[in-house]
Amino acid sequence: MKTVFITGAAQGIGLAIARRFACEGYQVGLFDINATRCQELLSDADFKNAVAGFCDVRDSASIEDAIATFSRATGGRLDVLVNNAGVLTGGELMTQSESQIRSMVDVNVTGLTLVSYAAHHLLKATEGAMVINLCSASSIHGIPLLAVYSATKFYVDGFTQALNLEWEDDDIYVTCIKPPVIDTEMGRSLDPRHIEDMKWEMKPDDVAIALYGLTQRRELHHVLGSSTRTWHRLSRLFGMGFSRWFTRRLVG
């Protein structure tokens, strides 16, 4: 049985991803700082072949414990690692606290990196393993009122590209998915000015379906949403000046 380890799996996009993989016959690892919720999910019919536990991606010891728990349940097999855990604070940079800034960097950057590092030995031992990182449309161009969050997703994009090459000899394919704003608790925490100008193009289930699709093909990154794909294509075609202009129009 194929296996998947998902961070931030207690709710939102992470939970939708977990359900999709479970429906496809995977043994699912549900890991989150909300371990209670993950444990409760084990009584759900969708998760009859699942393992759940605590994972604070900011803490390497917590990550190691989660990976060890998962490995014991799967016999050391890890087919897909989904780095989904993330946090967001919207608004002008100067209105954000140091703790809010550090939290985005600690979870979205350091956490994703440490989880990948800790999972490498299981991925390497599993033929045809994959890492799928949750990136964002905000990695196409820096987004005002999302400066730090957007910057963390640029990191995810670059990290993905680098490991796609670095881990190729280990038979580990590394990719990322770039959704637009999604109708989740995180999406609704955007600055109100963004919410006024942006439309909810997609639901968590849409992201989950597209992400699972990446296990069926090899694609370095996958951009979701019609307007986001247009923005991405035109930005690549016409360069930074156009990208800046289009971003200003897109986010109001």
C-alpha atoms as a PDB file:
ATOM      1  CA  MET A   1       0.000   0.000   0.000  1.00  0.00           C
ATOM      2  CA  LYS A   2       1.319   3.438  -0.928  1.00  0.00           C
ATOM      3  CA  THR A   3       1.742   6.002   1.842  1.00  0.00           C
ATOM      4  CA  VAL A   4       1.561   9.761   2.286  1.00  0.00           C
ATOM      5  CA  PHE A   5       2.702  11.996   5.156  1.00  0.00           C
ATOM      6  CA  ILE A   6       0.854  15.341   5.372  1.00  0.00           C
ATOM      7  CA  THR A   7       1.686  18.286   7.639  1.00  0.00           C
ATOM      8  CA  GLY A   8      -1.062  20.677   8.674  1.00  0.00           C
ATOM      9  CA  ALA A   9      -3.587  17.903   8.087  1.00  0.00           C
ATOM     10  CA  ALA A  10      -6.162  18.752  10.755  1.00  0.00           C
ATOM     11  CA  GLN A  11      -8.251  21.122   8.639  1.00  0.00           C
ATOM     12  CA  GLY A  12      -8.578  23.120   5.439  1.00  0.00           C
ATOM     13  CA  ILE A  13      -6.448  22.193   2.451  1.00  0.00           C
ATOM     14  CA  GLY A  14      -4.421  19.660   4.428  1.00  0.00           C
ATOM     15  CA  LEU A  15      -7.508  17.703   5.434  1.00  0.00           C
ATOM     16  CA  ALA A  16      -8.885  17.824   1.887  1.00  0.00           C
ATOM     17  CA  ILE A  17      -5.565  16.446   0.604  1.00  0.00           C
ATOM     18  CA  ALA A  18      -5.665  13.681   3.218  1.00  0.00           C
ATOM     19  CA  ARG A  19      -9.175  12.657   2.158  1.00  0.00           C
ATOM     20  CA  ARG A  20      -8.205  12.579  -1.507  1.00  0.00           C
ATOM     21  CA  PHE A  21      -5.228  10.309  -0.892  1.00  0.00           C
ATOM     22  CA  ALA A  22      -7.289   8.093   1.416  1.00  0.00           C
ATOM     23  CA  CYS A  23      -9.916   7.709  -1.296  1.00  0.00           C
ATOM     24  CA  GLU A  24      -7.148   6.683  -3.690  1.00  0.00           C
ATOM     25  CA  GLY A  25      -6.135   3.838  -1.374  1.00  0.00           C
ATOM     26  CA  TYR A  26      -3.138   5.395   0.365  1.00  0.00           C
ATOM     27  CA  GLN A  27      -2.199   4.855   3.983  1.00  0.00           C
ATOM     28  CA  VAL A  28      -2.393   8.427   5.239  1.00  0.00           C
ATOM     29  CA  GLY A  29      -0.307  10.133   7.902  1.00  0.00           C
ATOM     30  CA  LEU A  30      -2.295  12.962   9.519  1.00  0.00           C
ATOM     31  CA  PHE A  31       0.079  15.250  11.414  1.00  0.00           C
ATOM     32  CA  ASP A  32      -0.568  18.683  12.874  1.00  0.00           C
ATOM     33  CA  ILE A  33      -0.044  20.775  16.001  1.00  0.00           C
ATOM     34  CA  ASN A  34      -3.723  19.964  16.640  1.00  0.00           C
ATOM     35  CA  ALA A  35      -3.031  16.311  17.355  1.00  0.00           C
ATOM     36  CA  THR A  36      -6.388  15.870  19.086  1.00  0.00           C
ATOM     37  CA  ARG A  37      -8.241  16.682  15.892  1.00  0.00           C
ATOM     38  CA  CYS A  38      -6.013  14.329  13.906  1.00  0.00           C
ATOM     39  CA  GLN A  39      -6.685  11.510  16.363  1.00  0.00           C
ATOM     40  CA  GLU A  40     -10.429  12.161  16.120  1.00  0.00           C
ATOM     41  CA  LEU A  41     -10.218  11.814  12.344  1.00  0.00           C
ATOM     42  CA  LEU A  42      -9.101   8.200  12.742  1.00  0.00           C
ATOM     43  CA  SER A  43     -12.718   7.300  13.550  1.00  0.00           C
ATOM     44  CA  ASP A  44     -13.781   8.699  10.160  1.00  0.00           C
ATOM     45  CA  ALA A  45     -14.566   5.988   7.594  1.00  0.00           C
ATOM     46  CA  ASP A  46     -12.234   7.693   5.113  1.00  0.00           C
ATOM     47  CA  PHE A  47      -9.266   7.105   7.407  1.00  0.00           C
ATOM     48  CA  LYS A  48      -9.502   3.419   8.235  1.00  0.00           C
ATOM     49  CA  ASN A  49      -5.901   3.078   6.989  1.00  0.00           C
ATOM     50  CA  ALA A  50      -4.357   6.096   8.674  1.00  0.00           C
ATOM     51  CA  VAL A  51      -1.951   7.094  11.395  1.00  0.00           C
ATOM     52  CA  ALA A  52      -2.170  10.398  13.265  1.00  0.00           C
ATOM     53  CA  GLY A  53      -0.006  12.399  15.608  1.00  0.00           C
ATOM     54  CA  PHE A  54       1.489  15.654  16.781  1.00  0.00           C
ATOM     55  CA  CYS A  55       3.917  17.573  14.617  1.00  0.00           C
ATOM     56  CA  ASP A  56       5.138  21.101  15.253  1.00  0.00           C
ATOM     57  CA  VAL A  57       7.171  21.845  12.144  1.00  0.00           C
ATOM     58  CA  ARG A  58       9.041  24.573  14.016  1.00  0.00           C
ATOM     59  CA  ASP A  59      10.674  21.972  16.261  1.00  0.00           C
ATOM     60  CA  SER A  60      13.081  19.366  14.880  1.00  0.00           C
ATOM     61  CA  ALA A  61      12.518  16.934  17.770  1.00  0.00           C
ATOM     62  CA  SER A  62       8.756  17.041  17.143  1.00  0.00           C
ATOM     63  CA  ILE A  63       9.326  16.385  13.442  1.00  0.00           C
ATOM     64  CA  GLU A  64      11.626  13.433  14.152  1.00  0.00           C
ATOM     65  CA  ASP A  65       9.055  11.922  16.503  1.00  0.00           C
ATOM     66  CA  ALA A  66       6.297  12.318  13.899  1.00  0.00           C
ATOM     67  CA  ILE A  67       8.407  10.750  11.150  1.00  0.00           C
ATOM     68  CA  ALA A  68       9.314   7.854  13.473  1.00  0.00           C
ATOM     69  CA  THR A  69       5.639   7.290  14.371  1.00  0.00           C
ATOM     70  CA  PHE A  70       4.730   7.246  10.696  1.00  0.00           C
ATOM     71  CA  SER A  71       7.619   4.942   9.797  1.00  0.00           C
ATOM     72  CA  ARG A  72       6.623   2.381  12.417  1.00  0.00           C
ATOM     73  CA  ALA A  73       3.093   2.287  10.999  1.00  0.00           C
ATOM     74  CA  THR A  74       4.175   1.997   7.363  1.00  0.00           C
ATOM     75  CA  GLY A  75       7.194  -0.264   7.677  1.00  0.00           C
ATOM     76  CA  GLY A  76       9.489   2.580   6.654  1.00  0.00           C
ATOM     77  CA  ARG A  77       7.668   3.343   3.410  1.00  0.00           C
ATOM     78  CA  LEU A  78       7.014   6.963   2.353  1.00  0.00           C
ATOM     79  CA  ASP A  79       5.757   7.460  -1.190  1.00  0.00           C
ATOM     80  CA  VAL A  80       4.597  11.070  -0.940  1.00  0.00           C
ATOM     81  CA  LEU A  81       5.524  13.843   1.483  1.00  0.00           C
ATOM     82  CA  VAL A  82       3.114  16.791   1.382  1.00  0.00           C
ATOM     83  CA  ASN A  83       4.534  19.903   3.026  1.00  0.00           C
ATOM     84  CA  ASN A  84       1.250  21.681   3.635  1.00  0.00           C
ATOM     85  CA  ALA A  85       1.626  23.377   7.049  1.00  0.00           C
ATOM     86  CA  GLY A  86       1.603  27.153   6.715  1.00  0.00           C
ATOM     87  CA  VAL A  87       0.560  30.375   8.400  1.00  0.00           C
ATOM     88  CA  LEU A  88      -0.412  33.788   7.060  1.00  0.00           C
ATOM     89  CA  THR A  89      -0.798  37.293   8.454  1.00  0.00           C
ATOM     90  CA  GLY A  90      -2.127  39.935   6.077  1.00  0.00           C
ATOM     91  CA  GLY A  91      -1.736  43.712   6.121  1.00  0.00           C
ATOM     92  CA  GLU A  92       1.064  46.249   5.799  1.00  0.00           C
ATOM     93  CA  LEU A  93       4.439  45.072   7.035  1.00  0.00           C
ATOM     94  CA  MET A  94       4.639  47.861   9.597  1.00  0.00           C
ATOM     95  CA  THR A  95       1.380  46.774  11.241  1.00  0.00           C
ATOM     96  CA  GLN A  96       2.658  43.243  11.890  1.00  0.00           C
ATOM     97  CA  SER A  97       4.274  42.131  15.117  1.00  0.00           C
ATOM     98  CA  GLU A  98       7.650  40.458  15.358  1.00  0.00           C
ATOM     99  CA  SER A  99       5.957  37.249  16.480  1.00  0.00           C
ATOM    100  CA  GLN A 100       3.681  37.254  13.418  1.00  0.00           C
ATOM    101  CA  ILE A 101       6.640  37.787  11.094  1.00  0.00           C
ATOM    102  CA  ARG A 102       8.727  35.108  12.782  1.00  0.00           C
ATOM    103  CA  SER A 103       5.828  32.660  12.735  1.00  0.00           C
ATOM    104  CA  MET A 104       5.481  32.882   8.950  1.00  0.00           C
ATOM    105  CA  VAL A 105       9.204  32.355   8.437  1.00  0.00           C
ATOM    106  CA  ASP A 106       9.456  29.612  11.071  1.00  0.00           C
ATOM    107  CA  VAL A 107       6.545  27.573   9.691  1.00  0.00           C
ATOM    108  CA  ASN A 108       6.538  28.321   5.965  1.00  0.00           C
ATOM    109  CA  VAL A 109      10.317  28.322   5.451  1.00  0.00           C
ATOM    110  CA  THR A 110      12.184  26.611   8.285  1.00  0.00           C
ATOM    111  CA  GLY A 111       9.432  24.098   8.998  1.00  0.00           C
ATOM    112  CA  LEU A 112       9.065  22.956   5.406  1.00  0.00           C
ATOM    113  CA  THR A 113      12.845  22.610   5.142  1.00  0.00           C
ATOM    114  CA  LEU A 114      13.234  20.618   8.365  1.00  0.00           C
ATOM    115  CA  VAL A 115      10.387  18.234   7.497  1.00  0.00           C
ATOM    116  CA  SER A 116      11.950  17.543   4.094  1.00  0.00           C
ATOM    117  CA  TYR A 117      15.325  16.977   5.738  1.00  0.00           C
ATOM    118  CA  ALA A 118      13.907  14.572   8.335  1.00  0.00           C
ATOM    119  CA  ALA A 119      11.892  12.592   5.780  1.00  0.00           C
ATOM    120  CA  HIS A 120      14.699  12.160   3.258  1.00  0.00           C
ATOM    121  CA  HIS A 121      15.851   8.740   4.441  1.00  0.00           C
ATOM    122  CA  LEU A 122      12.339   7.281   4.108  1.00  0.00           C
ATOM    123  CA  LEU A 123      11.819   8.895   0.723  1.00  0.00           C
ATOM    124  CA  LYS A 124      15.152   7.608  -0.545  1.00  0.00           C
ATOM    125  CA  ALA A 125      14.279   4.088   0.595  1.00  0.00           C
ATOM    126  CA  THR A 126      10.953   4.158  -1.306  1.00  0.00           C
ATOM    127  CA  GLU A 127      11.067   3.687  -5.053  1.00  0.00           C
ATOM    128  CA  GLY A 128       9.640   6.608  -7.030  1.00  0.00           C
ATOM    129  CA  ALA A 129       8.993   8.807  -3.967  1.00  0.00           C
ATOM    130  CA  MET A 130       7.762  12.399  -4.265  1.00  0.00           C
ATOM    131  CA  VAL A 131       7.760  15.619  -2.267  1.00  0.00           C
ATOM    132  CA  ILE A 132       4.901  18.015  -3.018  1.00  0.00           C
ATOM    133  CA  ASN A 133       5.289  21.473  -1.482  1.00  0.00           C
ATOM    134  CA  LEU A 134       2.346  23.836  -1.025  1.00  0.00           C
ATOM    135  CA  CYS A 135       3.528  27.003  -2.687  1.00  0.00           C
ATOM    136  CA  SER A 136       1.272  29.894  -3.733  1.00  0.00           C
ATOM    137  CA  ALA A 137       0.305  32.206  -6.548  1.00  0.00           C
ATOM    138  CA  SER A 138       2.014  34.864  -4.414  1.00  0.00           C
ATOM    139  CA  SER A 139       5.348  33.397  -5.551  1.00  0.00           C
ATOM    140  CA  ILE A 140       4.714  34.743  -9.069  1.00  0.00           C
ATOM    141  CA  HIS A 141       5.226  38.345  -7.941  1.00  0.00           C
ATOM    142  CA  GLY A 142       5.550  39.867  -4.487  1.00  0.00           C
ATOM    143  CA  ILE A 143       2.073  40.755  -3.214  1.00  0.00           C
ATOM    144  CA  PRO A 144       1.490  44.005  -1.307  1.00  0.00           C
ATOM    145  CA  LEU A 145      -0.200  43.465   2.080  1.00  0.00           C
ATOM    146  CA  LEU A 146       1.292  39.942   2.002  1.00  0.00           C
ATOM    147  CA  ALA A 147       4.983  40.841   1.811  1.00  0.00           C
ATOM    148  CA  VAL A 148       6.392  38.320   4.303  1.00  0.00           C
ATOM    149  CA  TYR A 149       4.023  35.502   3.374  1.00  0.00           C
ATOM    150  CA  SER A 150       4.717  36.097  -0.316  1.00  0.00           C
ATOM    151  CA  ALA A 151       8.461  36.063   0.312  1.00  0.00           C
ATOM    152  CA  THR A 152       8.207  32.729   2.144  1.00  0.00           C
ATOM    153  CA  LYS A 153       6.512  31.249  -0.910  1.00  0.00           C
ATOM    154  CA  PHE A 154       9.308  32.506  -3.152  1.00  0.00           C
ATOM    155  CA  TYR A 155      11.558  30.456  -0.880  1.00  0.00           C
ATOM    156  CA  VAL A 156       9.349  27.404  -1.342  1.00  0.00           C
ATOM    157  CA  ASP A 157       9.562  27.831  -5.116  1.00  0.00           C
ATOM    158  CA  GLY A 158      13.360  28.095  -5.081  1.00  0.00           C
ATOM    159  CA  PHE A 159      13.738  25.241  -2.582  1.00  0.00           C
ATOM    160  CA  THR A 160      11.576  23.051  -4.789  1.00  0.00           C
ATOM    161  CA  GLN A 161      13.608  23.825  -7.899  1.00  0.00           C
ATOM    162  CA  ALA A 162      16.886  23.125  -6.096  1.00  0.00           C
ATOM    163  CA  LEU A 163      15.821  19.819  -4.542  1.00  0.00           C
ATOM    164  CA  ASN A 164      14.232  18.705  -7.810  1.00  0.00           C
ATOM    165  CA  LEU A 165      17.804  18.585  -9.119  1.00  0.00           C
ATOM    166  CA  GLU A 166      19.622  17.681  -5.899  1.00  0.00           C
ATOM    167  CA  TRP A 167      17.472  14.688  -5.031  1.00  0.00           C
ATOM    168  CA  GLU A 168      17.104  13.378  -8.582  1.00  0.00           C
ATOM    169  CA  ASP A 169      19.872  10.817  -8.057  1.00  0.00           C
ATOM    170  CA  ASP A 170      17.981   9.571  -4.979  1.00  0.00           C
ATOM    171  CA  ASP A 171      14.924   8.852  -7.161  1.00  0.00           C
ATOM    172  CA  ILE A 172      12.913  11.518  -5.301  1.00  0.00           C
ATOM    173  CA  TYR A 173      10.858  13.867  -7.454  1.00  0.00           C
ATOM    174  CA  VAL A 174      10.257  17.279  -5.844  1.00  0.00           C
ATOM    175  CA  THR A 175       7.488  19.538  -7.078  1.00  0.00           C
ATOM    176  CA  CYS A 176       5.138  22.249  -5.833  1.00  0.00           C
ATOM    177  CA  ILE A 177       1.624  23.487  -6.419  1.00  0.00           C
ATOM    178  CA  LYS A 178       0.654  27.165  -6.619  1.00  0.00           C
ATOM    179  CA  PRO A 179      -2.983  27.843  -5.788  1.00  0.00           C
ATOM    180  CA  PRO A 180      -4.656  31.253  -5.709  1.00  0.00           C
ATOM    181  CA  VAL A 181      -6.544  32.417  -2.615  1.00  0.00           C
ATOM    182  CA  ILE A 182      -8.616  29.504  -1.342  1.00  0.00           C
ATOM    183  CA  ASP A 183     -11.826  29.689   0.679  1.00  0.00           C
ATOM    184  CA  THR A 184     -10.359  28.501   3.993  1.00  0.00           C
ATOM    185  CA  GLU A 185      -9.761  29.962   7.432  1.00  0.00           C
ATOM    186  CA  MET A 186      -6.327  31.078   6.236  1.00  0.00           C
ATOM    187  CA  GLY A 187      -7.733  32.605   3.057  1.00  0.00           C
ATOM    188  CA  ARG A 188     -10.291  34.545   5.055  1.00  0.00           C
ATOM    189  CA  SER A 189      -7.504  36.001   7.226  1.00  0.00           C
ATOM    190  CA  LEU A 190      -6.281  38.154   4.340  1.00  0.00           C
ATOM    191  CA  ASP A 191      -6.371  41.907   4.679  1.00  0.00           C
ATOM    192  CA  PRO A 192      -9.978  43.012   4.002  1.00  0.00           C
ATOM    193  CA  ARG A 193      -8.784  45.080   1.028  1.00  0.00           C
ATOM    194  CA  HIS A 194      -7.564  41.884  -0.651  1.00  0.00           C
ATOM    195  CA  ILE A 195     -10.779  40.050   0.113  1.00  0.00           C
ATOM    196  CA  GLU A 196     -12.752  42.855  -1.558  1.00  0.00           C
ATOM    197  CA  ASP A 197     -10.699  42.591  -4.763  1.00  0.00           C
ATOM    198  CA  MET A 198     -10.010  38.851  -5.006  1.00  0.00           C
ATOM    199  CA  LYS A 199     -12.529  36.178  -5.860  1.00  0.00           C
ATOM    200  CA  TRP A 200     -12.640  32.704  -4.348  1.00  0.00           C
ATOM    201  CA  GLU A 201     -11.764  30.729  -7.473  1.00  0.00           C
ATOM    202  CA  MET A 202     -11.228  27.407  -5.751  1.00  0.00           C
ATOM    203  CA  LYS A 203     -12.153  25.253  -2.773  1.00  0.00           C
ATOM    204  CA  PRO A 204      -9.812  22.987  -0.759  1.00  0.00           C
ATOM    205  CA  ASP A 205     -11.111  19.938  -2.637  1.00  0.00           C
ATOM    206  CA  ASP A 206     -10.046  21.521  -5.942  1.00  0.00           C
ATOM    207  CA  VAL A 207      -6.500  21.895  -4.635  1.00  0.00           C
ATOM    208  CA  ALA A 208      -6.523  18.321  -3.327  1.00  0.00           C
ATOM    209  CA  ILE A 209      -7.603  16.914  -6.692  1.00  0.00           C
ATOM    210  CA  ALA A 210      -4.926  18.891  -8.537  1.00  0.00           C
ATOM    211  CA  LEU A 211      -2.247  17.975  -6.022  1.00  0.00           C
ATOM    212  CA  TYR A 212      -3.041  14.274  -6.240  1.00  0.00           C
ATOM    213  CA  GLY A 213      -2.780  14.632 -10.018  1.00  0.00           C
ATOM    214  CA  LEU A 214       0.890  15.520  -9.603  1.00  0.00           C
ATOM    215  CA  THR A 215       1.529  11.961  -8.432  1.00  0.00           C
ATOM    216  CA  GLN A 216       0.484  10.779 -11.900  1.00  0.00           C
ATOM    217  CA  ARG A 217       2.965  12.897 -13.855  1.00  0.00           C
ATOM    218  CA  ARG A 218       6.249  14.788 -13.547  1.00  0.00           C
ATOM    219  CA  GLU A 219       5.807  18.564 -13.480  1.00  0.00           C
ATOM    220  CA  LEU A 220       8.157  20.964 -11.666  1.00  0.00           C
ATOM    221  CA  HIS A 221       5.316  23.212 -10.554  1.00  0.00           C
ATOM    222  CA  HIS A 222       1.602  23.459 -11.174  1.00  0.00           C
ATOM    223  CA  VAL A 223      -0.248  26.781 -11.173  1.00  0.00           C
ATOM    224  CA  LEU A 224      -3.947  26.649 -10.274  1.00  0.00           C
ATOM    225  CA  GLY A 225      -6.787  29.011 -11.198  1.00  0.00           C
ATOM    226  CA  SER A 226      -7.560  30.572 -14.561  1.00  0.00           C
ATOM    227  CA  SER A 227      -6.610  34.147 -13.644  1.00  0.00           C
ATOM    228  CA  THR A 228      -3.484  32.950 -11.841  1.00  0.00           C
ATOM    229  CA  ARG A 229      -2.334  30.926 -14.861  1.00  0.00           C
ATOM    230  CA  THR A 230      -2.889  33.953 -17.110  1.00  0.00           C
ATOM    231  CA  TRP A 231      -0.894  36.135 -14.688  1.00  0.00           C
ATOM    232  CA  HIS A 232       1.913  33.573 -14.606  1.00  0.00           C
ATOM    233  CA  ARG A 233       2.127  33.183 -18.383  1.00  0.00           C
ATOM    234  CA  LEU A 234       2.013  36.907 -19.122  1.00  0.00           C
ATOM    235  CA  SER A 235       4.549  37.715 -16.395  1.00  0.00           C
ATOM    236  CA  ARG A 236       7.000  35.225 -17.899  1.00  0.00           C
ATOM    237  CA  LEU A 237       6.361  36.502 -21.400  1.00  0.00           C
ATOM    238  CA  PHE A 238       6.576  40.266 -20.777  1.00  0.00           C
ATOM    239  CA  GLY A 239       8.918  40.520 -17.797  1.00  0.00           C
ATOM    240  CA  MET A 240       9.036  42.338 -14.473  1.00  0.00           C
ATOM    241  CA  GLY A 241       7.562  45.652 -15.592  1.00  0.00           C
ATOM    242  CA  PHE A 242       4.413  43.994 -16.859  1.00  0.00           C
ATOM    243  CA  SER A 243       4.286  41.688 -13.849  1.00  0.00           C
ATOM    244  CA  ARG A 244       4.353  44.657 -11.475  1.00  0.00           C
ATOM    245  CA  TRP A 245       1.586  46.434 -13.398  1.00  0.00           C
ATOM    246  CA  PHE A 246      -0.567  43.320 -13.646  1.00  0.00           C
ATOM    247  CA  THR A 247      -0.079  42.501  -9.959  1.00  0.00           C
ATOM    248  CA  ARG A 248      -1.234  45.985  -8.991  1.00  0.00           C
ATOM    249  CA  ARG A 249      -4.371  45.557 -11.081  1.00  0.00           C
ATOM    250  CA  LEU A 250      -4.990  41.996  -9.892  1.00  0.00           C
ATOM    251  CA  VAL A 251      -4.898  42.838  -6.183  1.00  0.00           C
ATOM    252  CA  GLY A 252      -6.545  46.224  -6.436  1.00  0.00           C
END
